[in-house]
Amino acid sequence: MYYQPKPFGIVLRNARMDKKLTQAELAEILDISLSYLKDLERFRNNPSYEVFEKVMHYFNLSADLVIYPRRNQEDSTYLKIERLLTQCDERQLYVILATAEALLSVREEKTVEKEYNGNYSIL
C-alpha cells in the first residue's frame, strides 16, 4: 500500500491538535521518536504500516481520510458522524439507521407536497 505523506501528515496533525496533545505526548503514546513524528507531520516521511494503524486506531479515524483525502474533506459534521459510528454497537447502529431513514422520508414527503401544491410534479 502506498501512502501519500501530505494527507497523512495533515490528518495526523489535526487529530493530535483536536485531542490537545503535544507532539512529545503523542510520540510517547505511539511509541515512536519525536523526530519521526515531526517528519510525519511535515510531510517528510511516510508512516510504516504499524504507525499508520496505531494512529488510525488511537484517534478512531478511517483510513479513507488518507487514502481518499478529497472525499467529504470539508464536511466536519460528516467526519464526526463517521468517527462516532465506529464506536456504536449493532443496536445503536440500527437506531441511527432508522432515524436517518425517517428523516429522509419526511424530507421526501415535504418535497412532494411542495411540488404538488406548486402545480408541478416529479417525473
PDB file of N, CA and C in Angstrom:
ATOM      1  N   MET A   1       0.844  -1.179   0.000  1.00  0.00           N
ATOM      2  CA  MET A   1       0.000   0.000   0.000  1.00  0.00           C
ATOM      3  C   MET A   1       0.886   1.237   0.000  1.00  0.00           C
ATOM      4  N   TYR A   2       0.528   2.212  -0.800  1.00  0.00           N
ATOM      5  CA  TYR A   2       1.302   3.442  -0.904  1.00  0.00           C
ATOM      6  C   TYR A   2       0.588   4.555  -0.145  1.00  0.00           C
ATOM      7  N   TYR A   3       1.307   5.264   0.697  1.00  0.00           N
ATOM      8  CA  TYR A   3       0.736   6.359   1.460  1.00  0.00           C
ATOM      9  C   TYR A   3       1.170   7.684   0.870  1.00  0.00           C
ATOM     10  N   GLN A   4       0.281   8.626   0.863  1.00  0.00           N
ATOM     11  CA  GLN A   4       0.619   9.986   0.480  1.00  0.00           C
ATOM     12  C   GLN A   4       1.067  10.711   1.752  1.00  0.00           C
ATOM     13  N   PRO A   5       2.299  11.199   1.807  1.00  0.00           N
ATOM     14  CA  PRO A   5       2.755  11.822   3.056  1.00  0.00           C
ATOM     15  C   PRO A   5       1.968  13.069   3.431  1.00  0.00           C
ATOM     16  N   LYS A   6       1.590  13.879   2.457  1.00  0.00           N
ATOM     17  CA  LYS A   6       0.906  15.119   2.799  1.00  0.00           C
ATOM     18  C   LYS A   6      -0.444  14.867   3.462  1.00  0.00           C
ATOM     19  N   PRO A   7      -1.354  14.079   2.844  1.00  0.00           N
ATOM     20  CA  PRO A   7      -2.629  13.846   3.533  1.00  0.00           C
ATOM     21  C   PRO A   7      -2.459  13.200   4.908  1.00  0.00           C
ATOM     22  N   PHE A   8      -1.537  12.237   5.035  1.00  0.00           N
ATOM     23  CA  PHE A   8      -1.346  11.593   6.333  1.00  0.00           C
ATOM     24  C   PHE A   8      -0.866  12.615   7.358  1.00  0.00           C
ATOM     25  N   GLY A   9       0.074  13.449   6.978  1.00  0.00           N
ATOM     26  CA  GLY A   9       0.590  14.465   7.899  1.00  0.00           C
ATOM     27  C   GLY A   9      -0.487  15.434   8.356  1.00  0.00           C
ATOM     28  N   ILE A  10      -1.365  15.807   7.445  1.00  0.00           N
ATOM     29  CA  ILE A  10      -2.465  16.716   7.788  1.00  0.00           C
ATOM     30  C   ILE A  10      -3.436  16.032   8.748  1.00  0.00           C
ATOM     31  N   VAL A  11      -3.800  14.800   8.433  1.00  0.00           N
ATOM     32  CA  VAL A  11      -4.724  14.049   9.291  1.00  0.00           C
ATOM     33  C   VAL A  11      -4.112  13.863  10.676  1.00  0.00           C
ATOM     34  N   LEU A  12      -2.847  13.497  10.725  1.00  0.00           N
ATOM     35  CA  LEU A  12      -2.147  13.273  11.988  1.00  0.00           C
ATOM     36  C   LEU A  12      -2.109  14.546  12.831  1.00  0.00           C
ATOM     37  N   ARG A  13      -1.678  15.632  12.226  1.00  0.00           N
ATOM     38  CA  ARG A  13      -1.580  16.903  12.964  1.00  0.00           C
ATOM     39  C   ARG A  13      -2.955  17.362  13.466  1.00  0.00           C
ATOM     40  N   ASN A  14      -3.966  17.304  12.597  1.00  0.00           N
ATOM     41  CA  ASN A  14      -5.313  17.735  13.006  1.00  0.00           C
ATOM     42  C   ASN A  14      -5.868  16.876  14.130  1.00  0.00           C
ATOM     43  N   ALA A  15      -5.667  15.573  14.039  1.00  0.00           N
ATOM     44  CA  ALA A  15      -6.162  14.671  15.085  1.00  0.00           C
ATOM     45  C   ALA A  15      -5.444  14.943  16.406  1.00  0.00           C
ATOM     46  N   ARG A  16      -4.136  15.154  16.328  1.00  0.00           N
ATOM     47  CA  ARG A  16      -3.359  15.449  17.543  1.00  0.00           C
ATOM     48  C   ARG A  16      -3.834  16.747  18.180  1.00  0.00           C
ATOM     49  N   MET A  17      -4.035  17.753  17.356  1.00  0.00           N
ATOM     50  CA  MET A  17      -4.458  19.053  17.881  1.00  0.00           C
ATOM     51  C   MET A  17      -5.891  18.995  18.422  1.00  0.00           C
ATOM     52  N   ASP A  18      -6.761  18.206  17.783  1.00  0.00           N
ATOM     53  CA  ASP A  18      -8.126  18.039  18.297  1.00  0.00           C
ATOM     54  C   ASP A  18      -8.126  17.454  19.699  1.00  0.00           C
ATOM     55  N   LYS A  19      -7.180  16.567  19.974  1.00  0.00           N
ATOM     56  CA  LYS A  19      -7.070  15.948  21.314  1.00  0.00           C
ATOM     57  C   LYS A  19      -6.212  16.787  22.261  1.00  0.00           C
ATOM     58  N   LYS A  20      -5.720  17.918  21.752  1.00  0.00           N
ATOM     59  CA  LYS A  20      -4.895  18.837  22.546  1.00  0.00           C
ATOM     60  C   LYS A  20      -3.648  18.153  23.102  1.00  0.00           C
ATOM     61  N   LEU A  21      -3.006  17.368  22.233  1.00  0.00           N
ATOM     62  CA  LEU A  21      -1.769  16.687  22.612  1.00  0.00           C
ATOM     63  C   LEU A  21      -0.578  17.414  22.002  1.00  0.00           C
ATOM     64  N   THR A  22       0.512  17.448  22.725  1.00  0.00           N
ATOM     65  CA  THR A  22       1.751  17.957  22.146  1.00  0.00           C
ATOM     66  C   THR A  22       2.363  16.864  21.278  1.00  0.00           C
ATOM     67  N   GLN A  23       3.309  17.243  20.452  1.00  0.00           N
ATOM     68  CA  GLN A  23       3.995  16.238  19.647  1.00  0.00           C
ATOM     69  C   GLN A  23       4.719  15.242  20.542  1.00  0.00           C
ATOM     70  N   ALA A  24       5.329  15.739  21.604  1.00  0.00           N
ATOM     71  CA  ALA A  24       6.056  14.850  22.518  1.00  0.00           C
ATOM     72  C   ALA A  24       5.112  13.843  23.180  1.00  0.00           C
ATOM     73  N   GLU A  25       3.948  14.296  23.596  1.00  0.00           N
ATOM     74  CA  GLU A  25       2.977  13.394  24.226  1.00  0.00           C
ATOM     75  C   GLU A  25       2.524  12.307  23.250  1.00  0.00           C
ATOM     76  N   LEU A  26       2.224  12.716  22.010  1.00  0.00           N
ATOM     77  CA  LEU A  26       1.764  11.740  21.033  1.00  0.00           C
ATOM     78  C   LEU A  26       2.869  10.765  20.654  1.00  0.00           C
ATOM     79  N   ALA A  27       4.076  11.255  20.510  1.00  0.00           N
ATOM     80  CA  ALA A  27       5.198  10.368  20.189  1.00  0.00           C
ATOM     81  C   ALA A  27       5.339   9.286  21.265  1.00  0.00           C
ATOM     82  N   GLU A  28       5.172   9.675  22.510  1.00  0.00           N
ATOM     83  CA  GLU A  28       5.257   8.697  23.604  1.00  0.00           C
ATOM     84  C   GLU A  28       4.095   7.698  23.535  1.00  0.00           C
ATOM     85  N   ILE A  29       2.903   8.186  23.284  1.00  0.00           N
ATOM     86  CA  ILE A  29       1.727   7.313  23.192  1.00  0.00           C
ATOM     87  C   ILE A  29       1.899   6.299  22.064  1.00  0.00           C
ATOM     88  N   LEU A  30       2.415   6.763  20.912  1.00  0.00           N
ATOM     89  CA  LEU A  30       2.581   5.886  19.750  1.00  0.00           C
ATOM     90  C   LEU A  30       3.862   5.061  19.811  1.00  0.00           C
ATOM     91  N   ASP A  31       4.700   5.354  20.797  1.00  0.00           N
ATOM     92  CA  ASP A  31       5.979   4.673  20.971  1.00  0.00           C
ATOM     93  C   ASP A  31       6.875   4.858  19.738  1.00  0.00           C
ATOM     94  N   ILE A  32       6.985   6.130  19.314  1.00  0.00           N
ATOM     95  CA  ILE A  32       7.871   6.497  18.203  1.00  0.00           C
ATOM     96  C   ILE A  32       8.702   7.695  18.650  1.00  0.00           C
ATOM     97  N   SER A  33       9.742   7.982  17.910  1.00  0.00           N
ATOM     98  CA  SER A  33      10.584   9.116  18.284  1.00  0.00           C
ATOM     99  C   SER A  33       9.885  10.430  17.924  1.00  0.00           C
ATOM    100  N   LEU A  34      10.227  11.449  18.664  1.00  0.00           N
ATOM    101  CA  LEU A  34       9.668  12.775  18.417  1.00  0.00           C
ATOM    102  C   LEU A  34      10.068  13.262  17.024  1.00  0.00           C
ATOM    103  N   SER A  35      11.299  13.026  16.626  1.00  0.00           N
ATOM    104  CA  SER A  35      11.744  13.496  15.302  1.00  0.00           C
ATOM    105  C   SER A  35      10.973  12.792  14.176  1.00  0.00           C
ATOM    106  N   TYR A  36      10.665  11.507  14.356  1.00  0.00           N
ATOM    107  CA  TYR A  36       9.875  10.769  13.363  1.00  0.00           C
ATOM    108  C   TYR A  36       8.470  11.352  13.264  1.00  0.00           C
ATOM    109  N   LEU A  37       7.859  11.650  14.401  1.00  0.00           N
ATOM    110  CA  LEU A  37       6.531  12.254  14.413  1.00  0.00           C
ATOM    111  C   LEU A  37       6.552  13.610  13.711  1.00  0.00           C
ATOM    112  N   LYS A  38       7.553  14.412  14.009  1.00  0.00           N
ATOM    113  CA  LYS A  38       7.670  15.723  13.353  1.00  0.00           C
ATOM    114  C   LYS A  38       7.825  15.573  11.851  1.00  0.00           C
ATOM    115  N   ASP A  39       8.613  14.595  11.421  1.00  0.00           N
ATOM    116  CA  ASP A  39       8.777  14.343   9.982  1.00  0.00           C
ATOM    117  C   ASP A  39       7.457  13.938   9.338  1.00  0.00           C
ATOM    118  N   LEU A  40       6.664  13.148  10.033  1.00  0.00           N
ATOM    119  CA  LEU A  40       5.364  12.746   9.505  1.00  0.00           C
ATOM    120  C   LEU A  40       4.444  13.952   9.344  1.00  0.00           C
ATOM    121  N   GLU A  41       4.415  14.806  10.340  1.00  0.00           N
ATOM    122  CA  GLU A  41       3.547  15.986  10.285  1.00  0.00           C
ATOM    123  C   GLU A  41       4.026  17.012   9.263  1.00  0.00           C
ATOM    124  N   ARG A  42       5.310  17.016   8.964  1.00  0.00           N
ATOM    125  CA  ARG A  42       5.871  17.963   7.981  1.00  0.00           C
ATOM    126  C   ARG A  42       5.945  17.369   6.573  1.00  0.00           C
ATOM    127  N   PHE A  43       5.364  16.203   6.387  1.00  0.00           N
ATOM    128  CA  PHE A  43       5.306  15.533   5.081  1.00  0.00           C
ATOM    129  C   PHE A  43       6.675  15.097   4.580  1.00  0.00           C
ATOM    130  N   ARG A  44       7.606  14.863   5.470  1.00  0.00           N
ATOM    131  CA  ARG A  44       8.963  14.462   5.080  1.00  0.00           C
ATOM    132  C   ARG A  44       9.144  12.949   5.094  1.00  0.00           C
ATOM    133  N   ASN A  45       8.159  12.239   5.597  1.00  0.00           N
ATOM    134  CA  ASN A  45       8.301  10.793   5.734  1.00  0.00           C
ATOM    135  C   ASN A  45       6.938  10.133   5.624  1.00  0.00           C
ATOM    136  N   ASN A  46       6.931   8.907   5.151  1.00  0.00           N
ATOM    137  CA  ASN A  46       5.718   8.084   5.144  1.00  0.00           C
ATOM    138  C   ASN A  46       5.714   7.225   6.398  1.00  0.00           C
ATOM    139  N   PRO A  47       4.536   6.976   6.943  1.00  0.00           N
ATOM    140  CA  PRO A  47       4.483   6.122   8.138  1.00  0.00           C
ATOM    141  C   PRO A  47       4.653   4.653   7.758  1.00  0.00           C
ATOM    142  N   SER A  48       5.187   3.904   8.672  1.00  0.00           N
ATOM    143  CA  SER A  48       5.174   2.451   8.495  1.00  0.00           C
ATOM    144  C   SER A  48       3.727   2.006   8.640  1.00  0.00           C
ATOM    145  N   TYR A  49       3.441   0.791   8.209  1.00  0.00           N
ATOM    146  CA  TYR A  49       2.077   0.284   8.368  1.00  0.00           C
ATOM    147  C   TYR A  49       1.682   0.275   9.841  1.00  0.00           C
ATOM    148  N   GLU A  50       2.606  -0.119  10.697  1.00  0.00           N
ATOM    149  CA  GLU A  50       2.308  -0.206  12.129  1.00  0.00           C
ATOM    150  C   GLU A  50       1.953   1.162  12.712  1.00  0.00           C
ATOM    151  N   VAL A  51       2.710   2.175  12.324  1.00  0.00           N
ATOM    152  CA  VAL A  51       2.430   3.520  12.835  1.00  0.00           C
ATOM    153  C   VAL A  51       1.111   4.029  12.258  1.00  0.00           C
ATOM    154  N   PHE A  52       0.887   3.780  10.973  1.00  0.00           N
ATOM    155  CA  PHE A  52      -0.375   4.176  10.346  1.00  0.00           C
ATOM    156  C   PHE A  52      -1.560   3.578  11.109  1.00  0.00           C
ATOM    157  N   GLU A  53      -1.466   2.278  11.377  1.00  0.00           N
ATOM    158  CA  GLU A  53      -2.541   1.580  12.085  1.00  0.00           C
ATOM    159  C   GLU A  53      -2.705   2.119  13.505  1.00  0.00           C
ATOM    160  N   LYS A  54      -1.610   2.386  14.192  1.00  0.00           N
ATOM    161  CA  LYS A  54      -1.693   2.927  15.557  1.00  0.00           C
ATOM    162  C   LYS A  54      -2.395   4.290  15.568  1.00  0.00           C
ATOM    163  N   VAL A  55      -2.049   5.133  14.612  1.00  0.00           N
ATOM    164  CA  VAL A  55      -2.645   6.470  14.539  1.00  0.00           C
ATOM    165  C   VAL A  55      -4.146   6.365  14.264  1.00  0.00           C
ATOM    166  N   MET A  56      -4.504   5.566  13.269  1.00  0.00           N
ATOM    167  CA  MET A  56      -5.923   5.420  12.920  1.00  0.00           C
ATOM    168  C   MET A  56      -6.716   4.848  14.099  1.00  0.00           C
ATOM    169  N   HIS A  57      -6.131   3.879  14.778  1.00  0.00           N
ATOM    170  CA  HIS A  57      -6.806   3.252  15.919  1.00  0.00           C
ATOM    171  C   HIS A  57      -6.892   4.207  17.114  1.00  0.00           C
ATOM    172  N   TYR A  58      -5.790   4.843  17.461  1.00  0.00           N
ATOM    173  CA  TYR A  58      -5.770   5.719  18.627  1.00  0.00           C
ATOM    174  C   TYR A  58      -6.776   6.866  18.488  1.00  0.00           C
ATOM    175  N   PHE A  59      -6.821   7.470  17.302  1.00  0.00           N
ATOM    176  CA  PHE A  59      -7.715   8.607  17.095  1.00  0.00           C
ATOM    177  C   PHE A  59      -9.095   8.188  16.575  1.00  0.00           C
ATOM    178  N   ASN A  60      -9.287   6.885  16.404  1.00  0.00           N
ATOM    179  CA  ASN A  60     -10.560   6.363  15.909  1.00  0.00           C
ATOM    180  C   ASN A  60     -10.922   7.008  14.568  1.00  0.00           C
ATOM    181  N   LEU A  61      -9.993   6.943  13.626  1.00  0.00           N
ATOM    182  CA  LEU A  61     -10.159   7.548  12.307  1.00  0.00           C
ATOM    183  C   LEU A  61     -10.279   6.470  11.248  1.00  0.00           C
ATOM    184  N   SER A  62     -10.859   6.851  10.139  1.00  0.00           N
ATOM    185  CA  SER A  62     -10.952   5.964   8.990  1.00  0.00           C
ATOM    186  C   SER A  62      -9.729   6.173   8.096  1.00  0.00           C
ATOM    187  N   ALA A  63      -9.193   5.095   7.562  1.00  0.00           N
ATOM    188  CA  ALA A  63      -8.072   5.194   6.632  1.00  0.00           C
ATOM    189  C   ALA A  63      -8.478   5.947   5.372  1.00  0.00           C
ATOM    190  N   ASP A  64      -9.773   6.038   5.109  1.00  0.00           N
ATOM    191  CA  ASP A  64     -10.252   6.786   3.948  1.00  0.00           C
ATOM    192  C   ASP A  64      -9.806   8.246   3.984  1.00  0.00           C
ATOM    193  N   LEU A  65      -9.600   8.786   5.168  1.00  0.00           N
ATOM    194  CA  LEU A  65      -9.146  10.173   5.276  1.00  0.00           C
ATOM    195  C   LEU A  65      -7.811  10.374   4.576  1.00  0.00           C
ATOM    196  N   VAL A  66      -6.979   9.335   4.558  1.00  0.00           N
ATOM    197  CA  VAL A  66      -5.664   9.414   3.930  1.00  0.00           C
ATOM    198  C   VAL A  66      -5.727   8.894   2.499  1.00  0.00           C
ATOM    199  N   ILE A  67      -6.421   7.788   2.315  1.00  0.00           N
ATOM    200  CA  ILE A  67      -6.449   7.158   1.003  1.00  0.00           C
ATOM    201  C   ILE A  67      -7.313   7.950   0.020  1.00  0.00           C
ATOM    202  N   TYR A  68      -8.421   8.485   0.489  1.00  0.00           N
ATOM    203  CA  TYR A  68      -9.310   9.316  -0.339  1.00  0.00           C
ATOM    204  C   TYR A  68      -9.449  10.689   0.310  1.00  0.00           C
ATOM    205  N   PRO A  69      -8.403  11.513   0.304  1.00  0.00           N
ATOM    206  CA  PRO A  69      -8.410  12.747   1.082  1.00  0.00           C
ATOM    207  C   PRO A  69      -9.440  13.789   0.648  1.00  0.00           C
ATOM    208  N   ARG A  70      -9.901  13.753  -0.577  1.00  0.00           N
ATOM    209  CA  ARG A  70     -10.834  14.785  -1.036  1.00  0.00           C
ATOM    210  C   ARG A  70     -12.294  14.458  -0.722  1.00  0.00           C
ATOM    211  N   ARG A  71     -12.589  13.221  -0.383  1.00  0.00           N
ATOM    212  CA  ARG A  71     -13.960  12.817  -0.114  1.00  0.00           C
ATOM    213  C   ARG A  71     -14.426  13.363   1.232  1.00  0.00           C
ATOM    214  N   ASN A  72     -15.433  14.202   1.208  1.00  0.00           N
ATOM    215  CA  ASN A  72     -16.040  14.795   2.409  1.00  0.00           C
ATOM    216  C   ASN A  72     -15.019  15.511   3.298  1.00  0.00           C
ATOM    217  N   GLN A  73     -13.988  16.036   2.687  1.00  0.00           N
ATOM    218  CA  GLN A  73     -12.908  16.658   3.449  1.00  0.00           C
ATOM    219  C   GLN A  73     -13.358  17.907   4.194  1.00  0.00           C
ATOM    220  N   GLU A  74     -14.217  18.698   3.563  1.00  0.00           N
ATOM    221  CA  GLU A  74     -14.634  19.942   4.192  1.00  0.00           C
ATOM    222  C   GLU A  74     -15.802  19.761   5.157  1.00  0.00           C
ATOM    223  N   ASP A  75     -16.427  18.621   5.169  1.00  0.00           N
ATOM    224  CA  ASP A  75     -17.617  18.413   5.974  1.00  0.00           C
ATOM    225  C   ASP A  75     -17.248  17.815   7.326  1.00  0.00           C
ATOM    226  N   SER A  76     -16.992  18.681   8.298  1.00  0.00           N
ATOM    227  CA  SER A  76     -16.576  18.195   9.611  1.00  0.00           C
ATOM    228  C   SER A  76     -17.707  17.432  10.306  1.00  0.00           C
ATOM    229  N   THR A  77     -18.951  17.787  10.030  1.00  0.00           N
ATOM    230  CA  THR A  77     -20.070  17.060  10.617  1.00  0.00           C
ATOM    231  C   THR A  77     -20.073  15.621  10.133  1.00  0.00           C
ATOM    232  N   TYR A  78     -19.864  15.431   8.845  1.00  0.00           N
ATOM    233  CA  TYR A  78     -19.801  14.090   8.274  1.00  0.00           C
ATOM    234  C   TYR A  78     -18.682  13.281   8.934  1.00  0.00           C
ATOM    235  N   LEU A  79     -17.521  13.900   9.076  1.00  0.00           N
ATOM    236  CA  LEU A  79     -16.381  13.206   9.666  1.00  0.00           C
ATOM    237  C   LEU A  79     -16.641  12.838  11.130  1.00  0.00           C
ATOM    238  N   LYS A  80     -17.273  13.710  11.879  1.00  0.00           N
ATOM    239  CA  LYS A  80     -17.595  13.416  13.279  1.00  0.00           C
ATOM    240  C   LYS A  80     -18.576  12.248  13.364  1.00  0.00           C
ATOM    241  N   ILE A  81     -19.592  12.270  12.503  1.00  0.00           N
ATOM    242  CA  ILE A  81     -20.563  11.171  12.498  1.00  0.00           C
ATOM    243  C   ILE A  81     -19.864   9.865  12.153  1.00  0.00           C
ATOM    244  N   GLU A  82     -19.010   9.908  11.151  1.00  0.00           N
ATOM    245  CA  GLU A  82     -18.296   8.701  10.734  1.00  0.00           C
ATOM    246  C   GLU A  82     -17.451   8.137  11.871  1.00  0.00           C
ATOM    247  N   ARG A  83     -16.767   9.000  12.615  1.00  0.00           N
ATOM    248  CA  ARG A  83     -15.960   8.536  13.752  1.00  0.00           C
ATOM    249  C   ARG A  83     -16.833   7.936  14.846  1.00  0.00           C
ATOM    250  N   LEU A  84     -17.961   8.582  15.128  1.00  0.00           N
ATOM    251  CA  LEU A  84     -18.845   8.078  16.177  1.00  0.00           C
ATOM    252  C   LEU A  84     -19.468   6.736  15.809  1.00  0.00           C
ATOM    253  N   LEU A  85     -19.753   6.526  14.538  1.00  0.00           N
ATOM    254  CA  LEU A  85     -20.368   5.269  14.117  1.00  0.00           C
ATOM    255  C   LEU A  85     -19.493   4.069  14.445  1.00  0.00           C
ATOM    256  N   THR A  86     -18.201   4.238  14.395  1.00  0.00           N
ATOM    257  CA  THR A  86     -17.308   3.117  14.671  1.00  0.00           C
ATOM    258  C   THR A  86     -17.343   2.705  16.142  1.00  0.00           C
ATOM    259  N   GLN A  87     -17.885   3.558  16.987  1.00  0.00           N
ATOM    260  CA  GLN A  87     -17.961   3.258  18.413  1.00  0.00           C
ATOM    261  C   GLN A  87     -19.301   2.641  18.826  1.00  0.00           C
ATOM    262  N   CYS A  88     -20.234   2.563  17.881  1.00  0.00           N
ATOM    263  CA  CYS A  88     -21.581   2.067  18.192  1.00  0.00           C
ATOM    264  C   CYS A  88     -21.658   0.553  18.112  1.00  0.00           C
ATOM    265  N   ASP A  89     -22.519  -0.016  18.955  1.00  0.00           N
ATOM    266  CA  ASP A  89     -22.791  -1.446  18.835  1.00  0.00           C
ATOM    267  C   ASP A  89     -23.902  -1.637  17.796  1.00  0.00           C
ATOM    268  N   GLU A  90     -24.257  -2.887  17.534  1.00  0.00           N
ATOM    269  CA  GLU A  90     -25.231  -3.201  16.473  1.00  0.00           C
ATOM    270  C   GLU A  90     -26.604  -2.567  16.737  1.00  0.00           C
ATOM    271  N   ARG A  91     -27.051  -2.570  17.968  1.00  0.00           N
ATOM    272  CA  ARG A  91     -28.345  -1.982  18.312  1.00  0.00           C
ATOM    273  C   ARG A  91     -28.341  -0.477  18.083  1.00  0.00           C
ATOM    274  N   GLN A  92     -27.275   0.196  18.502  1.00  0.00           N
ATOM    275  CA  GLN A  92     -27.174   1.635  18.302  1.00  0.00           C
ATOM    276  C   GLN A  92     -27.125   1.987  16.819  1.00  0.00           C
ATOM    277  N   LEU A  93     -26.422   1.181  16.043  1.00  0.00           N
ATOM    278  CA  LEU A  93     -26.373   1.418  14.598  1.00  0.00           C
ATOM    279  C   LEU A  93     -27.761   1.278  13.980  1.00  0.00           C
ATOM    280  N   TYR A  94     -28.528   0.305  14.439  1.00  0.00           N
ATOM    281  CA  TYR A  94     -29.877   0.123  13.932  1.00  0.00           C
ATOM    282  C   TYR A  94     -30.742   1.355  14.230  1.00  0.00           C
ATOM    283  N   VAL A  95     -30.642   1.897  15.439  1.00  0.00           N
ATOM    284  CA  VAL A  95     -31.409   3.084  15.814  1.00  0.00           C
ATOM    285  C   VAL A  95     -30.999   4.271  14.944  1.00  0.00           C
ATOM    286  N   ILE A  96     -29.721   4.434  14.720  1.00  0.00           N
ATOM    287  CA  ILE A  96     -29.230   5.531  13.886  1.00  0.00           C
ATOM    288  C   ILE A  96     -29.729   5.379  12.453  1.00  0.00           C
ATOM    289  N   LEU A  97     -29.666   4.174  11.925  1.00  0.00           N
ATOM    290  CA  LEU A  97     -30.149   3.912  10.575  1.00  0.00           C
ATOM    291  C   LEU A  97     -31.639   4.230  10.461  1.00  0.00           C
ATOM    292  N   ALA A  98     -32.431   3.757  11.401  1.00  0.00           N
ATOM    293  CA  ALA A  98     -33.874   4.011  11.376  1.00  0.00           C
ATOM    294  C   ALA A  98     -34.167   5.510  11.468  1.00  0.00           C
ATOM    295  N   THR A  99     -33.409   6.218  12.294  1.00  0.00           N
ATOM    296  CA  THR A  99     -33.595   7.662  12.435  1.00  0.00           C
ATOM    297  C   THR A  99     -33.257   8.382  11.133  1.00  0.00           C
ATOM    298  N   ALA A 100     -32.152   8.020  10.519  1.00  0.00           N
ATOM    299  CA  ALA A 100     -31.751   8.651   9.250  1.00  0.00           C
ATOM    300  C   ALA A 100     -32.780   8.382   8.158  1.00  0.00           C
ATOM    301  N   GLU A 101     -33.266   7.146   8.091  1.00  0.00           N
ATOM    302  CA  GLU A 101     -34.281   6.817   7.086  1.00  0.00           C
ATOM    303  C   GLU A 101     -35.563   7.603   7.328  1.00  0.00           C
ATOM    304  N   ALA A 102     -35.967   7.756   8.588  1.00  0.00           N
ATOM    305  CA  ALA A 102     -37.171   8.522   8.910  1.00  0.00           C
ATOM    306  C   ALA A 102     -36.990   9.997   8.544  1.00  0.00           C
ATOM    307  N   LEU A 103     -35.841  10.551   8.839  1.00  0.00           N
ATOM    308  CA  LEU A 103     -35.576  11.952   8.489  1.00  0.00           C
ATOM    309  C   LEU A 103     -35.625  12.165   6.979  1.00  0.00           C
ATOM    310  N   LEU A 104     -35.036  11.259   6.233  1.00  0.00           N
ATOM    311  CA  LEU A 104     -35.042  11.377   4.776  1.00  0.00           C
ATOM    312  C   LEU A 104     -36.446  11.183   4.216  1.00  0.00           C
ATOM    313  N   SER A 105     -37.228  10.308   4.822  1.00  0.00           N
ATOM    314  CA  SER A 105     -38.601  10.075   4.387  1.00  0.00           C
ATOM    315  C   SER A 105     -39.446  11.336   4.568  1.00  0.00           C
ATOM    316  N   VAL A 106     -39.289  11.999   5.698  1.00  0.00           N
ATOM    317  CA  VAL A 106     -40.026  13.239   5.963  1.00  0.00           C
ATOM    318  C   VAL A 106     -39.629  14.295   4.949  1.00  0.00           C
ATOM    319  N   ARG A 107     -38.355  14.395   4.649  1.00  0.00           N
ATOM    320  CA  ARG A 107     -37.878  15.379   3.672  1.00  0.00           C
ATOM    321  C   ARG A 107     -38.483  15.107   2.302  1.00  0.00           C
ATOM    322  N   GLU A 108     -38.532  13.842   1.896  1.00  0.00           N
ATOM    323  CA  GLU A 108     -39.105  13.480   0.598  1.00  0.00           C
ATOM    324  C   GLU A 108     -40.591  13.806   0.557  1.00  0.00           C
ATOM    325  N   GLU A 109     -41.316  13.555   1.654  1.00  0.00           N
ATOM    326  CA  GLU A 109     -42.742  13.857   1.694  1.00  0.00           C
ATOM    327  C   GLU A 109     -42.989  15.350   1.559  1.00  0.00           C
ATOM    328  N   LYS A 110     -42.180  16.170   2.212  1.00  0.00           N
ATOM    329  CA  LYS A 110     -42.335  17.623   2.116  1.00  0.00           C
ATOM    330  C   LYS A 110     -42.028  18.107   0.706  1.00  0.00           C
ATOM    331  N   THR A 111     -41.044  17.508   0.042  1.00  0.00           N
ATOM    332  CA  THR A 111     -40.698  17.889  -1.324  1.00  0.00           C
ATOM    333  C   THR A 111     -41.851  17.576  -2.267  1.00  0.00           C
ATOM    334  N   VAL A 112     -42.433  16.394  -2.133  1.00  0.00           N
ATOM    335  CA  VAL A 112     -43.557  16.003  -2.976  1.00  0.00           C
ATOM    336  C   VAL A 112     -44.748  16.914  -2.709  1.00  0.00           C
ATOM    337  N   GLU A 113     -45.030  17.203  -1.434  1.00  0.00           N
ATOM    338  CA  GLU A 113     -46.147  18.068  -1.077  1.00  0.00           C
ATOM    339  C   GLU A 113     -45.946  19.466  -1.657  1.00  0.00           C
ATOM    340  N   LYS A 114     -44.764  20.012  -1.549  1.00  0.00           N
ATOM    341  CA  LYS A 114     -44.467  21.344  -2.074  1.00  0.00           C
ATOM    342  C   LYS A 114     -44.656  21.365  -3.585  1.00  0.00           C
ATOM    343  N   GLU A 115     -44.160  20.349  -4.249  1.00  0.00           N
ATOM    344  CA  GLU A 115     -44.282  20.301  -5.697  1.00  0.00           C
ATOM    345  C   GLU A 115     -45.729  20.142  -6.120  1.00  0.00           C
ATOM    346  N   TYR A 116     -46.527  19.378  -5.360  1.00  0.00           N
ATOM    347  CA  TYR A 116     -47.941  19.189  -5.675  1.00  0.00           C
ATOM    348  C   TYR A 116     -48.688  20.512  -5.500  1.00  0.00           C
ATOM    349  N   ASN A 117     -48.420  21.200  -4.411  1.00  0.00           N
ATOM    350  CA  ASN A 117     -49.087  22.486  -4.148  1.00  0.00           C
ATOM    351  C   ASN A 117     -48.656  23.562  -5.144  1.00  0.00           C
ATOM    352  N   GLY A 118     -47.491  23.421  -5.691  1.00  0.00           N
ATOM    353  CA  GLY A 118     -46.983  24.374  -6.676  1.00  0.00           C
ATOM    354  C   GLY A 118     -47.397  24.022  -8.091  1.00  0.00           C
ATOM    355  N   ASN A 119     -48.270  23.023  -8.253  1.00  0.00           N
ATOM    356  CA  ASN A 119     -48.801  22.589  -9.542  1.00  0.00           C
ATOM    357  C   ASN A 119     -47.758  22.017 -10.485  1.00  0.00           C
ATOM    358  N   TYR A 120     -46.771  21.371  -9.950  1.00  0.00           N
ATOM    359  CA  TYR A 120     -45.846  20.607 -10.786  1.00  0.00           C
ATOM    360  C   TYR A 120     -45.499  19.321 -10.053  1.00  0.00           C
ATOM    361  N   SER A 121     -45.091  18.328 -10.799  1.00  0.00           N
ATOM    362  CA  SER A 121     -44.856  17.024 -10.193  1.00  0.00           C
ATOM    363  C   SER A 121     -43.497  16.501 -10.578  1.00  0.00           C
ATOM    364  N   ILE A 122     -43.064  15.476  -9.862  1.00  0.00           N
ATOM    365  CA  ILE A 122     -41.798  14.822 -10.136  1.00  0.00           C
ATOM    366  C   ILE A 122     -42.028  13.763 -11.205  1.00  0.00           C
ATOM    367  N   LEU A 123     -41.181  13.739 -12.197  1.00  0.00           N
ATOM    368  CA  LEU A 123     -41.266  12.720 -13.236  1.00  0.00           C
ATOM    369  C   LEU A 123     -40.101  11.781 -13.136  1.00  0.00           C
TER     370      LEU A 123
END
